[in-house]
Amino acid sequence: MGRVICDLTISVDGYAAGLNQSEERPFGDDGGDGWGDRLHAWHADADANRVEIERITAADAFIMGRNMFGPVRGGWGRQWNGWWGDNPPYHAPVFVLTHHARAPQPMTGGTTFHFVTDGIESALAQARTAAGAGDVAVMGGATTVNQYLAAGLVDELRLHIAPLTLGSGTRLFDGVPPLDLQQISARATTSVTHVTYRVQS
């Protein structure tokens, strides 16, 4: 069985998104023009961060919260297929936590979104089955990552710490009991610091 990995970009003060998230500004107010311009600016520095960028989508199955999937709230009155266009970067099964049932949504390139209504443990069980011996990545947002951390279901936490503060928003570790973390690696570039921790059981 593979690992359960959480992979998340945060500000120095621990926020994965600012206030006022919307379709136009999925990461909320971060001082940029939209789409997490400042928080995720490190993605544009591909040469310096290539290894970390490639690792983000290297798992064999993925889990995300509905807010990360898209801005639609309540029932699925609007057909929304995710932020990433017709060919999302995952190329593997993605299990979306939601309170509203929906049929699986296959996309170009091998990504299929599955909508899970019976909680984080069910989503993880389905993702483990889909991944086989491979890794499962919990992609976010912070609220979803916090649920998995609080339940003791995470093996490895990969943080990409952007050099800015947001002051408010959705924060990593909110509602999570104290964790014993073993630092595995750390690497700094001018645009971000990458830190990987093993979550001690």
N, C-alpha and C. Protein backbone atom coordinates (compact mmCIF):
# COMPACT_ATOMS: atom_id res chain seq x y z
N MET A 1 0.85 -1.19 0.00
CA MET A 1 0.00 0.00 0.00
C MET A 1 0.88 1.24 0.00
N GLY A 2 0.51 2.21 -0.83
CA GLY A 2 1.28 3.43 -0.92
C GLY A 2 0.99 4.40 0.22
N ARG A 3 1.63 5.54 0.14
CA ARG A 3 1.47 6.57 1.17
C ARG A 3 0.25 7.45 0.90
N VAL A 4 -0.20 8.12 1.94
CA VAL A 4 -1.17 9.21 1.81
C VAL A 4 -0.40 10.50 1.98
N ILE A 5 -0.39 11.31 0.95
CA ILE A 5 0.40 12.53 0.90
C ILE A 5 -0.54 13.73 0.83
N CYS A 6 -0.22 14.77 1.57
CA CYS A 6 -0.91 16.05 1.41
C CYS A 6 0.08 17.03 0.81
N ASP A 7 -0.35 17.73 -0.21
CA ASP A 7 0.52 18.65 -0.95
C ASP A 7 -0.20 19.99 -1.03
N LEU A 8 0.38 21.04 -0.43
CA LEU A 8 -0.36 22.30 -0.32
C LEU A 8 0.59 23.49 -0.34
N THR A 9 0.19 24.54 -1.07
CA THR A 9 0.89 25.82 -1.03
C THR A 9 0.24 26.69 0.04
N ILE A 10 1.07 27.29 0.89
CA ILE A 10 0.55 28.16 1.94
C ILE A 10 1.39 29.43 2.01
N SER A 11 0.81 30.45 2.63
CA SER A 11 1.56 31.66 2.93
C SER A 11 2.43 31.42 4.16
N VAL A 12 3.31 32.35 4.47
CA VAL A 12 4.17 32.21 5.65
C VAL A 12 3.33 32.11 6.92
N ASP A 13 2.16 32.76 6.96
CA ASP A 13 1.31 32.67 8.15
C ASP A 13 0.27 31.55 8.04
N GLY A 14 0.46 30.64 7.09
CA GLY A 14 -0.28 29.38 7.10
C GLY A 14 -1.56 29.32 6.32
N TYR A 15 -1.87 30.34 5.52
CA TYR A 15 -3.13 30.34 4.78
C TYR A 15 -2.97 29.75 3.38
N ALA A 16 -3.90 28.88 3.00
CA ALA A 16 -3.89 28.27 1.67
C ALA A 16 -4.78 29.03 0.70
N ALA A 17 -5.59 29.94 1.21
CA ALA A 17 -6.43 30.81 0.38
C ALA A 17 -6.82 32.01 1.22
N GLY A 18 -7.00 33.14 0.55
CA GLY A 18 -7.46 34.34 1.23
C GLY A 18 -8.97 34.38 1.33
N LEU A 19 -9.48 35.47 1.84
CA LEU A 19 -10.93 35.67 1.92
C LEU A 19 -11.50 35.92 0.52
N ASN A 20 -12.83 35.80 0.41
CA ASN A 20 -13.57 36.17 -0.79
C ASN A 20 -13.21 35.32 -2.01
N GLN A 21 -13.16 34.00 -1.80
CA GLN A 21 -12.94 33.11 -2.94
C GLN A 21 -14.14 33.16 -3.88
N SER A 22 -13.86 33.09 -5.16
CA SER A 22 -14.91 33.15 -6.17
C SER A 22 -14.42 32.46 -7.44
N GLU A 23 -15.28 32.35 -8.42
CA GLU A 23 -14.88 31.75 -9.69
C GLU A 23 -13.75 32.53 -10.33
N GLU A 24 -13.79 33.86 -10.21
CA GLU A 24 -12.75 34.70 -10.79
C GLU A 24 -11.49 34.69 -9.95
N ARG A 25 -11.63 34.45 -8.65
CA ARG A 25 -10.49 34.47 -7.72
C ARG A 25 -10.56 33.23 -6.83
N PRO A 26 -10.19 32.05 -7.37
CA PRO A 26 -10.37 30.81 -6.62
C PRO A 26 -9.55 30.72 -5.35
N PHE A 27 -8.47 31.50 -5.25
CA PHE A 27 -7.69 31.51 -4.01
C PHE A 27 -7.96 32.76 -3.19
N GLY A 28 -9.01 33.48 -3.54
CA GLY A 28 -9.42 34.63 -2.76
C GLY A 28 -8.47 35.81 -2.89
N ASP A 29 -8.51 36.69 -1.90
CA ASP A 29 -7.71 37.91 -1.90
C ASP A 29 -6.28 37.59 -1.47
N ASP A 30 -5.36 37.60 -2.42
CA ASP A 30 -3.96 37.40 -2.06
C ASP A 30 -3.09 38.56 -2.54
N GLY A 31 -3.74 39.65 -2.94
CA GLY A 31 -3.00 40.82 -3.39
C GLY A 31 -2.64 40.80 -4.86
N GLY A 32 -2.95 39.69 -5.55
CA GLY A 32 -2.69 39.60 -6.99
C GLY A 32 -3.94 39.93 -7.78
N ASP A 33 -3.88 39.67 -9.06
CA ASP A 33 -5.00 39.99 -9.95
C ASP A 33 -6.02 38.87 -10.03
N GLY A 34 -5.74 37.74 -9.43
CA GLY A 34 -6.66 36.61 -9.46
C GLY A 34 -5.91 35.31 -9.67
N TRP A 35 -6.61 34.17 -9.45
CA TRP A 35 -6.04 32.83 -9.65
C TRP A 35 -4.81 32.58 -8.79
N GLY A 36 -4.77 33.17 -7.63
CA GLY A 36 -3.66 32.91 -6.73
C GLY A 36 -2.34 33.39 -7.27
N ASP A 37 -2.36 34.58 -7.91
CA ASP A 37 -1.16 35.07 -8.59
C ASP A 37 0.05 35.13 -7.68
N ARG A 38 -0.13 35.62 -6.47
CA ARG A 38 1.01 35.76 -5.56
C ARG A 38 1.29 34.45 -4.82
N LEU A 39 0.25 33.81 -4.34
CA LEU A 39 0.42 32.58 -3.57
C LEU A 39 1.07 31.48 -4.41
N HIS A 40 0.68 31.38 -5.67
CA HIS A 40 1.18 30.32 -6.54
C HIS A 40 2.13 30.82 -7.61
N ALA A 41 2.73 31.98 -7.40
CA ALA A 41 3.65 32.54 -8.39
C ALA A 41 4.84 31.62 -8.63
N TRP A 42 5.18 30.79 -7.65
CA TRP A 42 6.34 29.91 -7.80
C TRP A 42 6.18 28.92 -8.94
N HIS A 43 4.95 28.61 -9.36
CA HIS A 43 4.74 27.71 -10.49
C HIS A 43 5.32 28.29 -11.78
N ALA A 44 5.36 29.60 -11.88
CA ALA A 44 5.90 30.23 -13.08
C ALA A 44 7.41 30.09 -13.17
N ASP A 45 8.05 29.84 -12.04
CA ASP A 45 9.50 29.65 -12.00
C ASP A 45 9.79 28.15 -12.16
N ALA A 46 9.43 27.63 -13.33
CA ALA A 46 9.44 26.18 -13.53
C ALA A 46 10.84 25.59 -13.45
N ASP A 47 11.84 26.29 -13.93
CA ASP A 47 13.20 25.74 -13.89
C ASP A 47 13.67 25.50 -12.46
N ALA A 48 13.38 26.45 -11.57
CA ALA A 48 13.83 26.33 -10.19
C ALA A 48 13.01 25.34 -9.38
N ASN A 49 11.76 25.09 -9.81
CA ASN A 49 10.84 24.29 -9.00
C ASN A 49 10.31 23.07 -9.74
N ARG A 50 11.00 22.66 -10.78
CA ARG A 50 10.48 21.59 -11.65
C ARG A 50 10.18 20.29 -10.89
N VAL A 51 11.08 19.88 -10.02
CA VAL A 51 10.89 18.61 -9.30
C VAL A 51 9.61 18.67 -8.48
N GLU A 52 9.41 19.75 -7.75
CA GLU A 52 8.22 19.86 -6.89
C GLU A 52 6.94 19.98 -7.72
N ILE A 53 7.00 20.69 -8.83
CA ILE A 53 5.82 20.81 -9.70
C ILE A 53 5.42 19.44 -10.24
N GLU A 54 6.40 18.66 -10.66
CA GLU A 54 6.10 17.33 -11.20
C GLU A 54 5.59 16.38 -10.11
N ARG A 55 6.08 16.52 -8.89
CA ARG A 55 5.63 15.63 -7.81
C ARG A 55 4.17 15.86 -7.44
N ILE A 56 3.67 17.07 -7.65
CA ILE A 56 2.30 17.39 -7.22
C ILE A 56 1.28 16.47 -7.87
N THR A 57 1.49 16.10 -9.13
CA THR A 57 0.52 15.25 -9.83
C THR A 57 1.07 13.86 -10.11
N ALA A 58 2.01 13.39 -9.29
CA ALA A 58 2.63 12.09 -9.54
C ALA A 58 1.93 10.93 -8.83
N ALA A 59 0.91 11.21 -8.01
CA ALA A 59 0.22 10.14 -7.29
C ALA A 59 -0.63 9.32 -8.26
N ASP A 60 -1.14 8.20 -7.75
CA ASP A 60 -1.96 7.31 -8.58
C ASP A 60 -3.46 7.52 -8.37
N ALA A 61 -3.84 8.28 -7.36
CA ALA A 61 -5.22 8.70 -7.13
C ALA A 61 -5.19 9.95 -6.27
N PHE A 62 -6.25 10.75 -6.36
CA PHE A 62 -6.27 12.05 -5.69
C PHE A 62 -7.59 12.24 -4.96
N ILE A 63 -7.53 13.07 -3.91
CA ILE A 63 -8.72 13.48 -3.17
C ILE A 63 -8.70 14.99 -3.07
N MET A 64 -9.86 15.60 -3.24
CA MET A 64 -9.96 17.05 -3.05
C MET A 64 -11.33 17.39 -2.50
N GLY A 65 -11.42 18.56 -1.86
CA GLY A 65 -12.70 19.06 -1.40
C GLY A 65 -13.47 19.69 -2.55
N ARG A 66 -14.74 19.86 -2.32
CA ARG A 66 -15.57 20.44 -3.39
C ARG A 66 -15.14 21.86 -3.72
N ASN A 67 -14.69 22.61 -2.73
CA ASN A 67 -14.26 23.98 -2.99
C ASN A 67 -13.06 24.02 -3.92
N MET A 68 -12.18 23.01 -3.82
CA MET A 68 -11.06 22.96 -4.75
C MET A 68 -11.51 22.54 -6.14
N PHE A 69 -12.54 21.71 -6.20
CA PHE A 69 -13.07 21.29 -7.50
C PHE A 69 -13.70 22.46 -8.24
N GLY A 70 -14.43 23.31 -7.51
CA GLY A 70 -15.07 24.42 -8.21
C GLY A 70 -15.92 25.28 -7.31
N PRO A 71 -16.42 26.40 -7.85
CA PRO A 71 -17.14 27.38 -7.05
C PRO A 71 -18.62 27.09 -6.85
N VAL A 72 -19.13 26.03 -7.44
CA VAL A 72 -20.56 25.74 -7.38
C VAL A 72 -20.93 25.31 -5.97
N ARG A 73 -21.99 25.87 -5.41
CA ARG A 73 -22.44 25.51 -4.07
C ARG A 73 -23.83 24.88 -4.15
N GLY A 74 -24.18 24.11 -3.14
CA GLY A 74 -25.50 23.48 -3.11
C GLY A 74 -25.57 22.35 -4.13
N GLY A 75 -26.77 22.11 -4.66
CA GLY A 75 -26.95 21.06 -5.65
C GLY A 75 -26.21 21.37 -6.95
N TRP A 76 -26.11 20.36 -7.79
CA TRP A 76 -25.36 20.51 -9.04
C TRP A 76 -26.23 21.08 -10.14
N GLY A 77 -26.83 22.24 -9.89
CA GLY A 77 -27.65 22.86 -10.92
C GLY A 77 -26.85 23.28 -12.14
N ARG A 78 -25.59 23.56 -11.93
CA ARG A 78 -24.71 23.99 -13.02
C ARG A 78 -23.68 22.90 -13.28
N GLN A 79 -23.50 22.53 -14.54
CA GLN A 79 -22.51 21.51 -14.89
C GLN A 79 -21.11 22.13 -14.86
N TRP A 80 -20.39 21.84 -13.78
CA TRP A 80 -19.03 22.37 -13.62
C TRP A 80 -18.08 21.19 -13.60
N ASN A 81 -17.03 21.22 -14.41
CA ASN A 81 -16.11 20.10 -14.54
C ASN A 81 -14.72 20.40 -14.00
N GLY A 82 -14.62 21.35 -13.09
CA GLY A 82 -13.33 21.65 -12.49
C GLY A 82 -12.66 22.85 -13.13
N TRP A 83 -11.64 23.36 -12.42
CA TRP A 83 -10.96 24.57 -12.84
C TRP A 83 -10.03 24.36 -14.03
N TRP A 84 -9.74 23.11 -14.42
CA TRP A 84 -8.56 22.83 -15.25
C TRP A 84 -8.85 22.61 -16.72
N GLY A 85 -10.07 22.87 -17.18
CA GLY A 85 -10.39 22.66 -18.58
C GLY A 85 -10.67 21.20 -18.88
N ASP A 86 -10.64 20.86 -20.18
CA ASP A 86 -11.02 19.52 -20.60
C ASP A 86 -9.99 18.45 -20.25
N ASN A 87 -8.73 18.86 -20.03
CA ASN A 87 -7.66 17.90 -19.76
C ASN A 87 -6.97 18.26 -18.44
N PRO A 88 -7.58 17.91 -17.30
CA PRO A 88 -6.98 18.25 -16.00
C PRO A 88 -5.62 17.59 -15.84
N PRO A 89 -4.78 18.11 -14.95
CA PRO A 89 -3.40 17.63 -14.85
C PRO A 89 -3.23 16.31 -14.10
N TYR A 90 -4.31 15.73 -13.59
CA TYR A 90 -4.17 14.58 -12.70
C TYR A 90 -3.95 13.26 -13.45
N HIS A 91 -4.68 13.04 -14.54
CA HIS A 91 -4.53 11.83 -15.36
C HIS A 91 -4.67 10.57 -14.52
N ALA A 92 -5.61 10.60 -13.59
CA ALA A 92 -5.86 9.49 -12.66
C ALA A 92 -7.22 9.76 -12.01
N PRO A 93 -7.76 8.81 -11.27
CA PRO A 93 -9.03 9.05 -10.58
C PRO A 93 -8.88 10.14 -9.51
N VAL A 94 -9.88 11.02 -9.43
CA VAL A 94 -9.92 12.08 -8.43
C VAL A 94 -11.25 11.94 -7.67
N PHE A 95 -11.17 11.88 -6.36
CA PHE A 95 -12.36 11.70 -5.52
C PHE A 95 -12.67 13.02 -4.83
N VAL A 96 -13.84 13.59 -5.16
CA VAL A 96 -14.24 14.92 -4.70
C VAL A 96 -15.23 14.77 -3.55
N LEU A 97 -14.90 15.35 -2.41
CA LEU A 97 -15.79 15.31 -1.25
C LEU A 97 -16.92 16.31 -1.45
N THR A 98 -18.16 15.86 -1.30
CA THR A 98 -19.31 16.72 -1.50
C THR A 98 -20.50 16.17 -0.71
N HIS A 99 -21.51 17.02 -0.51
CA HIS A 99 -22.75 16.57 0.11
C HIS A 99 -23.82 16.26 -0.93
N HIS A 100 -23.49 16.43 -2.21
CA HIS A 100 -24.49 16.30 -3.28
C HIS A 100 -24.01 15.28 -4.31
N ALA A 101 -24.79 14.22 -4.46
CA ALA A 101 -24.41 13.13 -5.35
C ALA A 101 -24.35 13.62 -6.80
N ARG A 102 -23.48 12.99 -7.56
CA ARG A 102 -23.32 13.31 -8.98
C ARG A 102 -22.64 12.12 -9.64
N ALA A 103 -23.00 11.85 -10.88
CA ALA A 103 -22.37 10.76 -11.62
C ALA A 103 -20.90 11.09 -11.88
N PRO A 104 -20.04 10.07 -12.00
CA PRO A 104 -18.64 10.33 -12.31
C PRO A 104 -18.49 11.13 -13.60
N GLN A 105 -17.46 11.98 -13.63
CA GLN A 105 -17.22 12.85 -14.78
C GLN A 105 -15.87 12.50 -15.40
N PRO A 106 -15.87 11.69 -16.50
CA PRO A 106 -14.61 11.42 -17.18
C PRO A 106 -14.16 12.61 -18.00
N MET A 107 -12.85 12.83 -18.03
CA MET A 107 -12.27 13.95 -18.77
C MET A 107 -11.19 13.43 -19.71
N THR A 108 -10.74 14.29 -20.59
CA THR A 108 -9.65 13.95 -21.49
C THR A 108 -8.38 13.68 -20.68
N GLY A 109 -7.56 12.74 -21.13
CA GLY A 109 -6.26 12.52 -20.52
C GLY A 109 -6.24 11.53 -19.37
N GLY A 110 -7.37 10.88 -19.09
CA GLY A 110 -7.39 9.85 -18.06
C GLY A 110 -7.90 10.28 -16.70
N THR A 111 -8.20 11.56 -16.51
CA THR A 111 -8.79 12.00 -15.24
C THR A 111 -10.28 11.68 -15.24
N THR A 112 -10.75 11.07 -14.15
CA THR A 112 -12.19 10.94 -13.92
C THR A 112 -12.48 11.46 -12.52
N PHE A 113 -13.41 12.41 -12.42
CA PHE A 113 -13.83 12.91 -11.12
C PHE A 113 -14.96 12.04 -10.59
N HIS A 114 -14.78 11.52 -9.37
CA HIS A 114 -15.79 10.73 -8.68
C HIS A 114 -16.25 11.56 -7.48
N PHE A 115 -17.54 11.60 -7.25
CA PHE A 115 -18.11 12.47 -6.22
C PHE A 115 -18.56 11.63 -5.03
N VAL A 116 -17.94 11.88 -3.88
CA VAL A 116 -18.10 11.04 -2.70
C VAL A 116 -18.93 11.80 -1.66
N THR A 117 -20.04 11.20 -1.24
CA THR A 117 -20.96 11.88 -0.32
C THR A 117 -20.92 11.30 1.10
N ASP A 118 -20.11 10.26 1.33
CA ASP A 118 -20.16 9.61 2.64
C ASP A 118 -18.85 9.75 3.42
N GLY A 119 -18.13 10.85 3.23
CA GLY A 119 -17.07 11.22 4.15
C GLY A 119 -15.66 10.91 3.71
N ILE A 120 -14.72 11.39 4.55
CA ILE A 120 -13.31 11.32 4.18
C ILE A 120 -12.78 9.89 4.19
N GLU A 121 -13.26 9.05 5.11
CA GLU A 121 -12.76 7.67 5.15
C GLU A 121 -13.18 6.92 3.90
N SER A 122 -14.42 7.13 3.45
CA SER A 122 -14.89 6.48 2.23
C SER A 122 -14.10 6.95 1.02
N ALA A 123 -13.85 8.25 0.95
CA ALA A 123 -13.06 8.77 -0.17
C ALA A 123 -11.67 8.16 -0.19
N LEU A 124 -11.06 8.02 0.99
CA LEU A 124 -9.72 7.44 1.06
C LEU A 124 -9.75 5.96 0.68
N ALA A 125 -10.75 5.24 1.14
CA ALA A 125 -10.84 3.82 0.78
C ALA A 125 -10.98 3.65 -0.73
N GLN A 126 -11.81 4.47 -1.34
CA GLN A 126 -11.98 4.39 -2.80
C GLN A 126 -10.70 4.79 -3.53
N ALA A 127 -10.04 5.82 -3.03
CA ALA A 127 -8.79 6.26 -3.65
C ALA A 127 -7.70 5.20 -3.51
N ARG A 128 -7.62 4.54 -2.35
CA ARG A 128 -6.63 3.48 -2.16
C ARG A 128 -6.88 2.33 -3.13
N THR A 129 -8.13 1.97 -3.30
CA THR A 129 -8.46 0.91 -4.25
C THR A 129 -8.04 1.30 -5.66
N ALA A 130 -8.32 2.53 -6.03
CA ALA A 130 -7.96 3.00 -7.37
C ALA A 130 -6.45 3.07 -7.55
N ALA A 131 -5.72 3.44 -6.50
CA ALA A 131 -4.27 3.61 -6.59
C ALA A 131 -3.52 2.30 -6.53
N GLY A 132 -4.14 1.24 -6.02
CA GLY A 132 -3.43 -0.02 -5.87
C GLY A 132 -2.27 0.13 -4.89
N ALA A 133 -1.07 -0.17 -5.33
CA ALA A 133 0.11 -0.03 -4.48
C ALA A 133 0.69 1.37 -4.53
N GLY A 134 0.07 2.27 -5.30
CA GLY A 134 0.60 3.62 -5.46
C GLY A 134 0.14 4.57 -4.38
N ASP A 135 0.62 5.80 -4.47
CA ASP A 135 0.30 6.83 -3.49
C ASP A 135 -1.05 7.48 -3.77
N VAL A 136 -1.67 7.97 -2.70
CA VAL A 136 -2.87 8.79 -2.77
C VAL A 136 -2.48 10.19 -2.30
N ALA A 137 -2.86 11.20 -3.07
CA ALA A 137 -2.55 12.58 -2.71
C ALA A 137 -3.83 13.33 -2.35
N VAL A 138 -3.84 13.92 -1.15
CA VAL A 138 -4.93 14.81 -0.74
C VAL A 138 -4.50 16.22 -1.14
N MET A 139 -5.17 16.78 -2.13
CA MET A 139 -4.70 18.01 -2.78
C MET A 139 -5.17 19.28 -2.09
N GLY A 140 -6.27 19.23 -1.39
CA GLY A 140 -6.75 20.45 -0.76
C GLY A 140 -8.24 20.61 -0.95
N GLY A 141 -8.74 21.75 -0.59
CA GLY A 141 -8.03 22.81 0.06
C GLY A 141 -7.64 22.51 1.49
N ALA A 142 -7.28 23.59 2.20
CA ALA A 142 -6.80 23.42 3.57
C ALA A 142 -7.83 22.75 4.47
N THR A 143 -9.10 23.04 4.27
CA THR A 143 -10.14 22.43 5.12
C THR A 143 -10.14 20.92 4.96
N THR A 144 -9.98 20.45 3.74
CA THR A 144 -9.93 19.00 3.48
C THR A 144 -8.66 18.40 4.06
N VAL A 145 -7.52 19.04 3.83
CA VAL A 145 -6.26 18.55 4.41
C VAL A 145 -6.37 18.49 5.92
N ASN A 146 -6.96 19.51 6.54
CA ASN A 146 -7.10 19.52 8.00
C ASN A 146 -7.92 18.33 8.50
N GLN A 147 -8.96 17.97 7.76
CA GLN A 147 -9.78 16.82 8.18
C GLN A 147 -8.95 15.54 8.17
N TYR A 148 -8.14 15.35 7.15
CA TYR A 148 -7.32 14.14 7.07
C TYR A 148 -6.21 14.15 8.13
N LEU A 149 -5.63 15.31 8.37
CA LEU A 149 -4.61 15.40 9.43
C LEU A 149 -5.23 15.11 10.80
N ALA A 150 -6.39 15.70 11.07
CA ALA A 150 -7.04 15.51 12.37
C ALA A 150 -7.43 14.06 12.60
N ALA A 151 -7.74 13.34 11.51
CA ALA A 151 -8.14 11.94 11.63
C ALA A 151 -6.93 10.99 11.67
N GLY A 152 -5.72 11.53 11.57
CA GLY A 152 -4.54 10.69 11.62
C GLY A 152 -4.35 9.83 10.38
N LEU A 153 -4.79 10.32 9.22
CA LEU A 153 -4.77 9.52 8.00
C LEU A 153 -3.67 9.92 7.02
N VAL A 154 -2.76 10.79 7.43
CA VAL A 154 -1.74 11.32 6.53
C VAL A 154 -0.37 10.77 6.90
N ASP A 155 0.37 10.33 5.89
CA ASP A 155 1.74 9.85 6.10
C ASP A 155 2.79 10.93 5.85
N GLU A 156 2.54 11.78 4.87
CA GLU A 156 3.55 12.77 4.47
C GLU A 156 2.88 14.09 4.12
N LEU A 157 3.46 15.18 4.61
CA LEU A 157 2.93 16.52 4.38
C LEU A 157 3.97 17.33 3.62
N ARG A 158 3.61 17.76 2.41
CA ARG A 158 4.50 18.56 1.58
C ARG A 158 3.96 19.98 1.50
N LEU A 159 4.71 20.92 2.04
CA LEU A 159 4.28 22.31 2.05
C LEU A 159 5.18 23.13 1.14
N HIS A 160 4.54 24.03 0.39
CA HIS A 160 5.25 24.98 -0.46
C HIS A 160 4.92 26.36 0.12
N ILE A 161 5.89 26.96 0.79
CA ILE A 161 5.64 28.16 1.59
C ILE A 161 6.02 29.39 0.77
N ALA A 162 5.01 30.16 0.37
CA ALA A 162 5.22 31.35 -0.44
C ALA A 162 5.63 32.52 0.45
N PRO A 163 6.50 33.39 -0.03
CA PRO A 163 7.03 34.48 0.81
C PRO A 163 6.08 35.67 0.89
N LEU A 164 4.93 35.46 1.51
CA LEU A 164 3.97 36.53 1.76
C LEU A 164 3.07 36.12 2.92
N THR A 165 2.39 37.07 3.50
CA THR A 165 1.38 36.78 4.51
C THR A 165 0.03 37.24 3.98
N LEU A 166 -1.03 36.51 4.39
CA LEU A 166 -2.39 36.88 3.98
C LEU A 166 -3.20 37.45 5.13
N GLY A 167 -2.92 37.03 6.36
CA GLY A 167 -3.60 37.61 7.51
C GLY A 167 -4.95 37.01 7.83
N SER A 168 -5.61 36.44 6.84
CA SER A 168 -6.92 35.83 7.06
C SER A 168 -7.24 34.93 5.86
N GLY A 169 -8.24 34.09 6.04
CA GLY A 169 -8.63 33.18 4.97
C GLY A 169 -8.80 31.77 5.51
N THR A 170 -8.45 30.79 4.68
CA THR A 170 -8.54 29.38 5.05
C THR A 170 -7.15 28.90 5.43
N ARG A 171 -7.00 28.45 6.68
CA ARG A 171 -5.67 28.23 7.24
C ARG A 171 -5.39 26.75 7.48
N LEU A 172 -4.21 26.32 7.11
CA LEU A 172 -3.76 24.97 7.43
C LEU A 172 -3.63 24.82 8.94
N PHE A 173 -3.94 23.64 9.44
CA PHE A 173 -3.84 23.21 10.85
C PHE A 173 -4.97 23.73 11.73
N ASP A 174 -5.91 24.51 11.22
CA ASP A 174 -7.06 24.89 12.05
C ASP A 174 -7.86 23.65 12.43
N GLY A 175 -8.09 23.47 13.72
CA GLY A 175 -8.85 22.33 14.20
C GLY A 175 -8.08 21.02 14.23
N VAL A 176 -6.78 21.09 13.99
CA VAL A 176 -5.95 19.89 13.99
C VAL A 176 -5.22 19.80 15.33
N PRO A 177 -5.28 18.66 16.00
CA PRO A 177 -4.54 18.53 17.27
C PRO A 177 -3.04 18.58 17.01
N PRO A 178 -2.24 18.78 18.06
CA PRO A 178 -0.78 18.84 17.87
C PRO A 178 -0.25 17.61 17.13
N LEU A 179 0.68 17.86 16.21
CA LEU A 179 1.26 16.79 15.39
C LEU A 179 2.74 16.65 15.70
N ASP A 180 3.23 15.43 15.59
CA ASP A 180 4.66 15.15 15.70
C ASP A 180 5.18 14.97 14.27
N LEU A 181 5.94 15.93 13.78
CA LEU A 181 6.41 15.91 12.39
C LEU A 181 7.91 15.70 12.35
N GLN A 182 8.34 14.85 11.42
CA GLN A 182 9.77 14.66 11.18
C GLN A 182 10.11 15.29 9.84
N GLN A 183 10.99 16.27 9.84
CA GLN A 183 11.35 16.91 8.58
C GLN A 183 12.20 15.96 7.74
N ILE A 184 11.76 15.73 6.51
CA ILE A 184 12.47 14.85 5.58
C ILE A 184 13.38 15.66 4.68
N SER A 185 12.88 16.82 4.21
CA SER A 185 13.68 17.63 3.30
C SER A 185 13.20 19.07 3.35
N ALA A 186 14.08 19.96 2.92
CA ALA A 186 13.74 21.38 2.78
C ALA A 186 14.61 21.95 1.67
N ARG A 187 13.98 22.76 0.82
CA ARG A 187 14.73 23.38 -0.27
C ARG A 187 14.13 24.75 -0.55
N ALA A 188 14.97 25.74 -0.59
CA ALA A 188 14.49 27.11 -0.82
C ALA A 188 14.88 27.58 -2.21
N THR A 189 13.97 28.29 -2.86
CA THR A 189 14.27 29.04 -4.07
C THR A 189 13.90 30.49 -3.78
N THR A 190 14.10 31.36 -4.74
CA THR A 190 13.74 32.76 -4.51
C THR A 190 12.24 32.97 -4.43
N SER A 191 11.45 32.03 -4.96
CA SER A 191 10.00 32.21 -5.02
C SER A 191 9.22 31.38 -4.02
N VAL A 192 9.86 30.39 -3.36
CA VAL A 192 9.12 29.50 -2.47
C VAL A 192 10.12 28.66 -1.68
N THR A 193 9.66 28.17 -0.53
CA THR A 193 10.43 27.18 0.23
C THR A 193 9.63 25.90 0.30
N HIS A 194 10.23 24.80 -0.15
CA HIS A 194 9.58 23.50 -0.16
C HIS A 194 10.03 22.71 1.07
N VAL A 195 9.07 22.27 1.88
CA VAL A 195 9.41 21.50 3.07
C VAL A 195 8.53 20.24 3.09
N THR A 196 9.17 19.10 3.33
CA THR A 196 8.43 17.84 3.41
C THR A 196 8.60 17.25 4.80
N TYR A 197 7.46 16.85 5.39
CA TYR A 197 7.46 16.27 6.72
C TYR A 197 6.85 14.87 6.67
N ARG A 198 7.40 13.95 7.46
CA ARG A 198 6.73 12.70 7.74
C ARG A 198 5.87 12.91 8.97
N VAL A 199 4.60 12.50 8.90
CA VAL A 199 3.70 12.64 10.05
C VAL A 199 3.87 11.40 10.91
N GLN A 200 4.41 11.57 12.11
CA GLN A 200 4.68 10.47 13.02
C GLN A 200 3.38 9.95 13.61
N SER A 201 3.25 8.64 13.69
CA SER A 201 2.02 8.06 14.24
C SER A 201 2.15 7.93 15.76
